[in-house]
Amino acid sequence: MRLYLINPVNPLALSEVRQGWFKRFRIWKPLGLLTVATLTPADWQITVFDENQGIRDYAAMPRPDLVGITAFTSQASRAYELARQFRAMGVRVVMGGIHASMRPQEAMKHVDCVVAGEAESVWAQVLADARRGDLKSLYEAEPVGLEAVPPARHDLLPRGYAFGAIQTTRGCPLNCSFCSVTVFNGARYRNRPISNVIEEMRSIREKYVLVVDDNLIGTSAAHIVRAKELFRAMIQAELHKRWIAQVTINMGGDEELLSLAAKAGCIGVFIGFESPTVEGLAEVGKKYNIVNGRDMRTSVQRIQRHGILVAGSFIIGLDSDECGIGRRIADAASGYGVDILTTLFLTPLPGTRVWDKMQTEGRISTNAFPQDWQYYTLTFPVADYKQLSREQIVREMDCSNRRFYSPGRIGRRLWASFWRGRHPVVSLVSNLSYRRSLRANHRAYYQFTLAQEQDRHRVAMH
């Protein structure tokens, strides 16, 4: 039996697939597919395709018996296109991942079978039913204990990635309004056995690794204890890996945790600051950031003193955001002292409270689905924002990026990274990559606006 597992490219990124050296730092391995591959019996011949590494001529390849496709929301339109191609060849298609899990009825219109939730609990049944030609249209998976998650098949992808990938925990208790992780993985913080993590880390070819956990260190005292145990095991194993991870700002409050993380190979962390205002934090449900009078700049500096870069993320387009929010975000990020800034448009992703609210209020303006899912990358203004028009919010985004990534500010950050030994090469590549994107962003916004106007005109004509 032949199985193809495919990670579809976002249609808007097709022109970027062949872009130069910087591309390696903007694509991540499809870890979910590699885990599913491990769960697949040995008599299945498995091939994994990551379309971010290039589009294949599937029709010219050996015909598979089954195709499995994963997709974030922004990949859904390409996923459905792939499903049409394979089904036209008489091949059955299974779709999983977060978009299909949040929109199973939509996905079932395009594929033979949907796996909703974490695939580990149902994948064996899916394959058994496929053998018999008796696939169900929907398999509803249950969250699993992470001792049941085997090491992923990292050998199934070619070289060429800047980062390997690994997962050590699932679940998030914060349940932010813009995020569907708690709906998909649950609020309970689940840990993989540390020995399993070490075993898989050894199998990763790349020196640099992305830890894909939504929050590696967690939020409670027990979570922190577990993170320290993991870091001690990594140090003892002498893995010689350098890694980055998503964490919360509470990391800056524990010197022992920071010291262990640095010794274990941590070179950077991604922190969601979300908003520079108290009103914004309350709106997204992230008051956790400022509990007990936490000082952001002090917390960031403590992390950086251990040689760890800090990337900060903010959201623009909250109901409380007014004109000038772009400048406020850039200045807040500079004031906190972060090394890298990612500013994202508030995007109503299926499964989130933001989706429910905006859908009820009729504010989801980019809604010609499934084609318009391609714009749900968090980098396009796909909704009607309460206090900012589309033109205004694009200007605010441009202001945020240009202000933070001005040559002078980049120079000061790079000097600080060099002077303090905080991975200046990584900082240089990251800052130049973001600055290089500014012109491309302008073109993308123009094309997006033009496409939306053309769609409205077609609707009006009919």
Protein backbone atom coordinates (compact mmCIF):
# COMPACT_ATOMS: atom_id res chain seq x y z
CA MET A 1 0.00 0.00 0.00
CA ARG A 2 1.30 3.44 -0.95
CA LEU A 3 0.62 6.51 1.22
CA TYR A 4 1.33 10.13 0.34
CA LEU A 5 1.34 12.65 3.19
CA ILE A 6 1.23 16.26 1.96
CA ASN A 7 1.74 19.63 3.61
CA PRO A 8 0.19 22.09 1.10
CA VAL A 9 1.72 25.45 0.36
CA ASN A 10 -0.31 28.61 0.86
CA PRO A 11 -1.30 29.75 -2.68
CA LEU A 12 0.01 33.26 -2.02
CA ALA A 13 3.43 31.82 -1.19
CA LEU A 14 3.87 30.00 -4.50
CA SER A 15 6.10 32.76 -5.86
CA GLU A 16 8.16 32.68 -2.67
CA VAL A 17 8.82 28.93 -2.74
CA ARG A 18 11.77 29.53 -5.03
CA GLN A 19 13.06 32.61 -3.25
CA GLY A 20 16.65 32.63 -2.08
CA TRP A 21 18.58 31.85 1.04
CA PHE A 22 16.15 33.63 3.41
CA LYS A 23 13.46 31.06 2.59
CA ARG A 24 15.13 28.48 4.82
CA PHE A 25 14.35 30.59 7.87
CA ARG A 26 10.65 31.01 7.05
CA ILE A 27 9.50 27.43 6.64
CA TRP A 28 8.98 24.80 9.32
CA LYS A 29 8.81 21.05 9.03
CA PRO A 30 5.28 19.53 8.99
CA LEU A 31 5.83 17.73 12.28
CA GLY A 32 2.29 16.36 12.46
CA LEU A 33 2.77 14.42 9.22
CA LEU A 34 6.07 13.00 10.45
CA THR A 35 4.34 11.78 13.61
CA VAL A 36 1.50 10.22 11.61
CA ALA A 37 4.17 8.49 9.50
CA THR A 38 5.59 6.85 12.62
CA LEU A 39 2.14 5.53 13.52
CA THR A 40 1.74 3.95 10.06
CA PRO A 41 2.43 0.18 9.76
CA ALA A 42 5.61 -0.88 8.01
CA ASP A 43 3.77 -2.43 5.04
CA TRP A 44 2.69 1.04 3.90
CA GLN A 45 5.16 2.79 1.61
CA ILE A 46 5.21 6.38 2.87
CA THR A 47 6.29 9.52 1.02
CA VAL A 48 6.05 12.94 2.69
CA PHE A 49 5.79 16.06 0.54
CA ASP A 50 6.25 19.55 1.94
CA GLU A 51 5.14 21.92 -0.80
CA ASN A 52 7.05 24.75 0.86
CA GLN A 53 10.09 22.97 -0.56
CA GLY A 54 8.58 22.83 -4.04
CA ILE A 55 5.46 21.73 -5.94
CA ARG A 56 5.49 18.21 -7.36
CA ASP A 57 3.81 16.82 -10.47
CA TYR A 58 1.74 14.26 -8.61
CA ALA A 59 0.05 12.97 -11.77
CA ALA A 60 3.44 11.88 -13.11
CA MET A 61 4.31 9.97 -9.94
CA PRO A 62 3.28 6.45 -8.87
CA ARG A 63 -0.40 6.42 -7.97
CA PRO A 64 -0.94 6.21 -4.18
CA ASP A 65 -3.63 4.14 -2.49
CA LEU A 66 -4.33 6.89 0.04
CA VAL A 67 -3.42 10.57 0.47
CA GLY A 68 -3.30 12.34 3.82
CA ILE A 69 -3.31 16.15 3.85
CA THR A 70 -2.84 18.48 6.81
CA ALA A 71 -3.65 22.19 6.75
CA PHE A 72 -3.73 25.33 8.78
CA THR A 73 -6.57 27.65 7.77
CA SER A 74 -4.35 29.59 5.36
CA GLN A 75 -3.53 26.32 3.54
CA ALA A 76 -7.12 25.11 3.23
CA SER A 77 -7.84 26.33 -0.31
CA ARG A 78 -4.69 24.60 -1.63
CA ALA A 79 -5.56 21.48 0.40
CA TYR A 80 -8.96 21.29 -1.29
CA GLU A 81 -7.35 21.82 -4.70
CA LEU A 82 -5.00 18.88 -4.05
CA ALA A 83 -7.92 16.75 -2.90
CA ARG A 84 -9.74 17.45 -6.19
CA GLN A 85 -6.67 16.40 -8.18
CA PHE A 86 -6.23 13.09 -6.37
CA ARG A 87 -9.92 12.24 -6.22
CA ALA A 88 -10.10 12.80 -9.99
CA MET A 89 -7.45 10.06 -10.24
CA GLY A 90 -9.61 7.76 -8.12
CA VAL A 91 -7.47 8.17 -5.00
CA ARG A 92 -9.11 8.53 -1.59
CA VAL A 93 -8.13 11.60 0.43
CA VAL A 94 -8.00 12.02 4.21
CA MET A 95 -7.66 15.52 5.68
CA GLY A 96 -6.66 16.44 9.22
CA GLY A 97 -5.07 19.33 11.03
CA ILE A 98 -6.56 22.31 12.80
CA HIS A 99 -8.65 23.74 9.94
CA ALA A 100 -10.43 20.49 9.15
CA SER A 101 -10.94 19.98 12.90
CA MET A 102 -12.57 23.39 13.29
CA ARG A 103 -14.56 23.17 9.99
CA PRO A 104 -15.28 19.45 9.48
CA GLN A 105 -18.52 19.96 7.56
CA GLU A 106 -16.77 22.24 5.08
CA ALA A 107 -13.82 19.88 4.68
CA MET A 108 -16.08 16.85 4.10
CA LYS A 109 -17.39 18.54 0.94
CA HIS A 110 -13.90 18.32 -0.56
CA VAL A 111 -12.35 15.11 0.79
CA ASP A 112 -13.37 11.51 1.45
CA CYS A 113 -12.58 11.55 5.15
CA VAL A 114 -11.86 14.08 7.91
CA VAL A 115 -9.86 13.39 11.06
CA ALA A 116 -10.94 15.95 13.66
CA GLY A 117 -8.59 16.41 16.61
CA GLU A 118 -5.35 14.68 17.52
CA ALA A 119 -4.84 11.86 15.02
CA GLU A 120 -2.96 9.44 17.30
CA SER A 121 -6.13 7.93 18.77
CA VAL A 122 -7.77 7.08 15.40
CA TRP A 123 -5.06 6.78 12.75
CA ALA A 124 -4.78 2.99 13.03
CA GLN A 125 -8.54 2.70 12.50
CA VAL A 126 -8.42 5.07 9.51
CA LEU A 127 -5.78 2.90 7.82
CA ALA A 128 -7.62 -0.33 8.62
CA ASP A 129 -10.85 1.06 7.15
CA ALA A 130 -8.96 2.32 4.09
CA ARG A 131 -7.62 -1.17 3.43
CA ARG A 132 -11.17 -2.52 3.43
CA GLY A 133 -12.45 0.32 1.27
CA ASP A 134 -14.72 1.37 4.12
CA LEU A 135 -13.53 4.86 5.12
CA LYS A 136 -15.92 6.82 7.30
CA SER A 137 -16.51 10.46 6.40
CA LEU A 138 -15.52 11.65 9.91
CA TYR A 139 -13.28 10.31 12.67
CA GLU A 140 -13.48 12.30 15.89
CA ALA A 141 -10.22 11.84 17.74
CA GLU A 142 -9.74 12.18 21.48
CA PRO A 143 -6.76 13.87 23.18
CA VAL A 144 -4.12 11.27 24.00
CA GLY A 145 -1.61 10.83 26.75
CA LEU A 146 1.66 12.02 25.28
CA GLU A 147 3.42 8.81 26.22
CA ALA A 148 1.50 7.47 23.20
CA VAL A 149 3.19 9.97 20.86
CA PRO A 150 6.19 8.23 19.23
CA PRO A 151 9.28 9.98 17.87
CA ALA A 152 8.51 11.55 14.50
CA ARG A 153 10.02 10.18 11.26
CA HIS A 154 12.48 13.01 10.61
CA ASP A 155 14.25 10.84 8.02
CA LEU A 156 11.33 11.19 5.58
CA LEU A 157 12.08 14.79 4.61
CA PRO A 158 15.08 15.97 2.59
CA ARG A 159 17.73 18.30 3.91
CA GLY A 160 17.44 22.03 3.29
CA TYR A 161 15.60 23.21 6.40
CA ALA A 162 17.27 25.68 8.72
CA PHE A 163 15.43 24.18 11.68
CA GLY A 164 14.36 20.75 12.80
CA ALA A 165 11.17 20.50 14.87
CA ILE A 166 9.98 18.73 18.01
CA GLN A 167 7.01 18.84 20.38
CA THR A 168 7.30 18.24 24.14
CA THR A 169 3.90 19.42 25.47
CA ARG A 170 0.33 20.00 24.31
CA GLY A 171 -2.52 22.10 25.64
CA CYS A 172 -2.77 25.66 26.87
CA PRO A 173 -4.72 26.92 29.91
CA LEU A 174 -4.66 30.59 28.82
CA ASN A 175 -7.43 30.28 26.19
CA CYS A 176 -6.79 33.63 24.49
CA SER A 177 -9.69 34.93 22.40
CA PHE A 178 -7.76 34.89 19.10
CA CYS A 179 -6.30 31.39 19.48
CA SER A 180 -7.83 27.97 18.79
CA VAL A 181 -5.14 25.89 20.52
CA THR A 182 -7.24 25.37 23.66
CA VAL A 183 -10.17 24.18 21.52
CA PHE A 184 -7.94 21.82 19.51
CA ASN A 185 -5.54 20.50 22.18
CA GLY A 186 -7.47 21.29 25.35
CA ALA A 187 -6.70 23.46 28.37
CA ARG A 188 -4.88 20.72 30.28
CA TYR A 189 -1.11 20.98 29.97
CA ARG A 190 0.15 17.53 28.90
CA ASN A 191 3.81 16.48 28.90
CA ARG A 192 5.69 13.95 26.83
CA PRO A 193 7.99 11.68 28.84
CA ILE A 194 11.35 13.40 28.96
CA SER A 195 13.18 10.25 27.82
CA ASN A 196 11.05 10.25 24.64
CA VAL A 197 11.91 13.89 23.96
CA ILE A 198 15.63 13.20 24.33
CA GLU A 199 15.41 10.15 22.07
CA GLU A 200 13.68 12.14 19.34
CA MET A 201 15.99 15.13 19.70
CA ARG A 202 18.93 12.82 18.97
CA SER A 203 17.28 11.74 15.70
CA ILE A 204 17.00 15.31 14.33
CA ARG A 205 19.69 16.03 11.75
CA GLU A 206 19.60 19.80 12.02
CA LYS A 207 21.70 21.63 14.60
CA TYR A 208 18.96 24.22 15.12
CA VAL A 209 15.56 23.05 16.35
CA LEU A 210 12.15 24.70 16.72
CA VAL A 211 10.24 23.48 19.78
CA VAL A 212 6.66 23.79 18.51
CA ASP A 213 4.95 23.71 21.92
CA ASP A 214 2.48 26.55 22.33
CA ASN A 215 4.15 27.28 25.67
CA LEU A 216 7.22 25.22 26.52
CA ILE A 217 7.46 26.32 30.16
CA GLY A 218 3.75 26.50 31.04
CA THR A 219 2.16 28.82 33.57
CA SER A 220 2.13 27.03 36.93
CA ALA A 221 4.82 26.09 39.45
CA ALA A 222 4.44 22.41 38.47
CA HIS A 223 4.93 23.29 34.80
CA ILE A 224 8.14 25.15 35.62
CA VAL A 225 9.47 22.20 37.62
CA ARG A 226 8.89 19.94 34.62
CA ALA A 227 10.61 22.40 32.26
CA LYS A 228 13.67 22.44 34.53
CA GLU A 229 13.75 18.63 34.56
CA LEU A 230 13.63 18.61 30.76
CA PHE A 231 16.45 21.14 30.47
CA ARG A 232 18.62 19.19 32.95
CA ALA A 233 18.08 16.03 30.88
CA MET A 234 19.03 17.88 27.70
CA ILE A 235 22.22 19.15 29.32
CA GLN A 236 23.14 15.69 30.60
CA ALA A 237 22.46 14.14 27.16
CA GLU A 238 24.97 16.55 25.55
CA LEU A 239 22.75 17.00 22.50
CA HIS A 240 24.67 20.00 21.16
CA LYS A 241 21.48 21.44 19.68
CA ARG A 242 20.51 25.09 19.55
CA TRP A 243 16.79 25.69 19.86
CA ILE A 244 14.05 28.30 19.98
CA ALA A 245 10.61 27.99 21.60
CA GLN A 246 7.38 29.78 22.41
CA VAL A 247 7.06 30.77 26.06
CA THR A 248 5.22 33.24 28.27
CA ILE A 249 6.80 36.27 29.90
CA ASN A 250 6.95 34.48 33.29
CA MET A 251 10.18 32.89 32.02
CA GLY A 252 11.89 36.15 32.98
CA GLY A 253 11.04 35.62 36.65
CA ASP A 254 13.07 32.46 37.31
CA GLU A 255 16.86 32.72 37.13
CA GLU A 256 17.41 28.98 37.58
CA LEU A 257 15.03 28.23 34.70
CA LEU A 258 16.85 30.72 32.47
CA SER A 259 20.28 29.37 33.36
CA LEU A 260 19.20 25.79 32.64
CA ALA A 261 17.51 26.76 29.36
CA ALA A 262 20.66 28.53 28.14
CA LYS A 263 22.89 25.60 29.10
CA ALA A 264 20.46 23.23 27.35
CA GLY A 265 20.89 25.16 24.09
CA CYS A 266 18.15 27.81 24.08
CA ILE A 267 19.10 30.69 21.80
CA GLY A 268 15.74 32.44 21.42
CA VAL A 269 12.18 32.60 22.69
CA PHE A 270 8.98 33.88 21.09
CA ILE A 271 6.67 35.72 23.51
CA GLY A 272 3.14 36.92 22.78
CA PHE A 273 2.85 40.40 24.29
CA GLU A 274 -0.33 40.92 22.21
CA SER A 275 -1.05 44.55 23.11
CA PRO A 276 0.74 47.56 24.62
CA THR A 277 -2.44 48.58 26.48
CA VAL A 278 -4.26 47.17 29.51
CA GLU A 279 -7.53 47.43 27.57
CA GLY A 280 -6.09 45.35 24.74
CA LEU A 281 -4.79 42.65 27.08
CA ALA A 282 -8.19 42.42 28.77
CA GLU A 283 -9.88 42.15 25.38
CA VAL A 284 -7.82 39.16 24.23
CA GLY A 285 -7.85 37.49 27.66
CA LYS A 286 -4.11 37.91 28.32
CA LYS A 287 -4.01 39.85 31.59
CA TYR A 288 -1.64 37.08 32.65
CA ASN A 289 1.11 39.22 31.09
CA ILE A 290 0.80 41.90 33.76
CA VAL A 291 -0.18 40.00 36.90
CA ASN A 292 1.63 40.95 40.09
CA GLY A 293 2.87 44.18 38.51
CA ARG A 294 5.22 42.35 36.12
CA ASP A 295 7.64 44.73 34.42
CA MET A 296 8.09 43.77 30.78
CA ARG A 297 11.45 45.45 30.21
CA THR A 298 12.99 43.91 33.32
CA SER A 299 11.68 40.46 32.38
CA VAL A 300 13.03 40.74 28.83
CA GLN A 301 16.42 41.91 30.08
CA ARG A 302 16.69 38.98 32.49
CA ILE A 303 16.09 36.57 29.62
CA GLN A 304 18.60 38.34 27.40
CA ARG A 305 21.30 38.34 30.10
CA HIS A 306 21.48 34.58 29.60
CA GLY A 307 22.30 35.03 25.91
CA ILE A 308 18.74 34.33 24.76
CA LEU A 309 17.15 36.43 22.01
CA VAL A 310 13.58 37.61 22.57
CA ALA A 311 11.08 37.87 19.71
CA GLY A 312 7.88 39.69 20.63
CA SER A 313 4.47 39.39 18.96
CA PHE A 314 1.71 42.02 18.98
CA ILE A 315 -1.77 42.11 17.44
CA ILE A 316 -3.17 45.11 15.61
CA GLY A 317 -6.91 45.62 15.03
CA LEU A 318 -8.38 44.99 18.48
CA ASP A 319 -11.66 46.76 19.23
CA SER A 320 -9.75 49.03 21.62
CA ASP A 321 -7.08 49.95 19.03
CA GLU A 322 -7.21 53.53 17.70
CA CYS A 323 -5.17 55.46 15.16
CA GLY A 324 -1.59 55.59 16.42
CA ILE A 325 -1.55 51.96 17.58
CA GLY A 326 1.21 51.10 15.10
CA ARG A 327 3.57 53.62 16.66
CA ARG A 328 2.57 52.50 20.16
CA ILE A 329 3.37 48.88 19.33
CA ALA A 330 6.77 49.71 17.81
CA ASP A 331 7.69 51.94 20.74
CA ALA A 332 6.48 49.38 23.29
CA ALA A 333 8.54 46.64 21.63
CA SER A 334 11.59 48.90 21.56
CA GLY A 335 10.93 49.92 25.17
CA TYR A 336 10.72 46.29 26.27
CA GLY A 337 14.02 45.74 24.43
CA VAL A 338 12.92 42.83 22.24
CA ASP A 339 15.30 41.75 19.50
CA ILE A 340 12.63 40.95 16.89
CA LEU A 341 9.06 42.20 16.45
CA THR A 342 6.21 40.42 14.70
CA THR A 343 3.05 42.52 14.33
CA LEU A 344 -0.02 40.60 13.14
CA PHE A 345 -3.52 41.61 12.08
CA LEU A 346 -6.30 40.41 14.36
CA THR A 347 -7.61 37.47 12.33
CA PRO A 348 -10.87 35.60 13.04
CA LEU A 349 -9.67 32.02 12.76
CA PRO A 350 -12.34 29.29 12.94
CA GLY A 351 -12.68 27.87 16.42
CA THR A 352 -11.75 31.07 18.23
CA ARG A 353 -13.92 33.44 20.26
CA VAL A 354 -12.88 36.21 17.87
CA TRP A 355 -14.40 34.21 14.98
CA ASP A 356 -17.65 33.69 16.88
CA LYS A 357 -17.90 37.38 17.80
CA MET A 358 -17.05 38.77 14.36
CA GLN A 359 -19.26 36.28 12.57
CA THR A 360 -22.20 37.21 14.80
CA GLU A 361 -21.56 40.90 14.16
CA GLY A 362 -21.14 40.42 10.39
CA ARG A 363 -17.56 41.73 10.46
CA ILE A 364 -15.77 38.97 8.54
CA SER A 365 -15.34 40.82 5.27
CA THR A 366 -12.99 38.46 3.41
CA ASN A 367 -15.44 35.59 3.22
CA ALA A 368 -15.50 34.07 -0.28
CA PHE A 369 -14.64 30.64 1.09
CA PRO A 370 -12.87 28.38 0.50
CA GLN A 371 -10.73 30.51 -1.83
CA ASP A 372 -10.36 33.36 0.65
CA TRP A 373 -8.84 31.09 3.31
CA GLN A 374 -5.52 31.81 1.61
CA TYR A 375 -5.59 35.30 3.16
CA TYR A 376 -5.91 33.97 6.73
CA THR A 377 -2.16 34.10 7.32
CA LEU A 378 -2.45 36.79 10.05
CA THR A 379 -0.75 39.18 7.61
CA PHE A 380 -3.88 40.50 5.83
CA PRO A 381 -6.76 42.61 7.24
CA VAL A 382 -9.57 40.15 6.55
CA ALA A 383 -12.19 41.69 8.86
CA ASP A 384 -13.95 44.98 9.55
CA TYR A 385 -12.16 46.56 12.50
CA LYS A 386 -14.08 48.62 15.00
CA GLN A 387 -12.06 51.85 14.99
CA LEU A 388 -9.81 51.42 11.94
CA SER A 389 -10.73 51.24 8.26
CA ARG A 390 -8.84 48.83 6.02
CA GLU A 391 -6.68 51.67 4.71
CA GLN A 392 -5.99 52.93 8.23
CA ILE A 393 -5.04 49.55 9.65
CA VAL A 394 -2.64 48.90 6.76
CA ARG A 395 -1.00 52.27 7.47
CA GLU A 396 -0.74 51.40 11.16
CA MET A 397 0.90 48.07 10.32
CA ASP A 398 3.34 49.80 7.98
CA CYS A 399 4.15 52.37 10.66
CA SER A 400 4.82 49.64 13.23
CA ASN A 401 7.18 47.72 10.97
CA ARG A 402 9.03 50.69 9.50
CA ARG A 403 9.52 52.30 12.89
CA PHE A 404 10.83 49.17 14.61
CA TYR A 405 12.91 48.05 11.62
CA SER A 406 14.40 51.45 10.80
CA PRO A 407 18.14 51.24 10.00
CA GLY A 408 19.01 53.10 13.20
CA ARG A 409 17.03 50.80 15.48
CA ILE A 410 18.31 47.69 13.71
CA GLY A 411 21.86 48.95 14.16
CA ARG A 412 21.38 49.53 17.90
CA ARG A 413 19.87 46.07 18.39
CA LEU A 414 22.66 44.36 16.44
CA TRP A 415 25.31 46.23 18.42
CA ALA A 416 23.66 45.13 21.67
CA SER A 417 23.53 41.52 20.46
CA PHE A 418 27.18 41.61 19.42
CA TRP A 419 28.39 43.37 22.57
CA ARG A 420 26.55 40.99 24.90
CA GLY A 421 27.24 37.83 22.87
CA ARG A 422 23.54 37.24 22.16
CA HIS A 423 23.73 35.37 18.85
CA PRO A 424 24.41 38.41 16.61
CA VAL A 425 24.27 36.36 13.38
CA VAL A 426 20.77 35.07 14.18
CA SER A 427 19.70 38.59 15.12
CA LEU A 428 21.17 40.00 11.89
CA VAL A 429 19.45 37.44 9.67
CA SER A 430 16.12 37.92 11.45
CA ASN A 431 16.14 41.72 11.35
CA LEU A 432 17.25 41.89 7.72
CA SER A 433 14.67 39.28 6.73
CA TYR A 434 11.86 41.33 8.28
CA ARG A 435 13.13 44.57 6.75
CA ARG A 436 13.45 42.86 3.38
CA SER A 437 9.77 41.92 3.61
CA LEU A 438 8.50 45.51 3.89
CA ARG A 439 8.33 46.15 0.14
CA ALA A 440 6.83 42.71 -0.51
CA ASN A 441 4.17 43.48 2.10
CA HIS A 442 3.17 46.63 0.21
CA ARG A 443 2.72 44.64 -3.00
CA ALA A 444 0.74 41.97 -1.16
CA TYR A 445 -1.62 44.53 0.44
CA TYR A 446 -2.21 46.20 -2.93
CA GLN A 447 -2.98 42.88 -4.64
CA PHE A 448 -5.21 41.83 -1.75
CA THR A 449 -7.20 45.07 -1.88
CA LEU A 450 -7.55 44.80 -5.67
CA ALA A 451 -8.75 41.18 -5.44
CA GLN A 452 -11.31 42.07 -2.77
CA GLU A 453 -12.66 44.98 -4.84
CA GLN A 454 -12.97 42.70 -7.90
CA ASP A 455 -14.86 40.11 -5.83
CA ARG A 456 -17.28 42.75 -4.52
CA HIS A 457 -17.83 43.98 -8.08
CA ARG A 458 -18.62 40.45 -9.31
CA VAL A 459 -21.08 39.93 -6.47
CA ALA A 460 -22.76 43.27 -7.21
CA MET A 461 -23.08 42.37 -10.92
CA HIS A 462 -24.90 39.17 -10.01
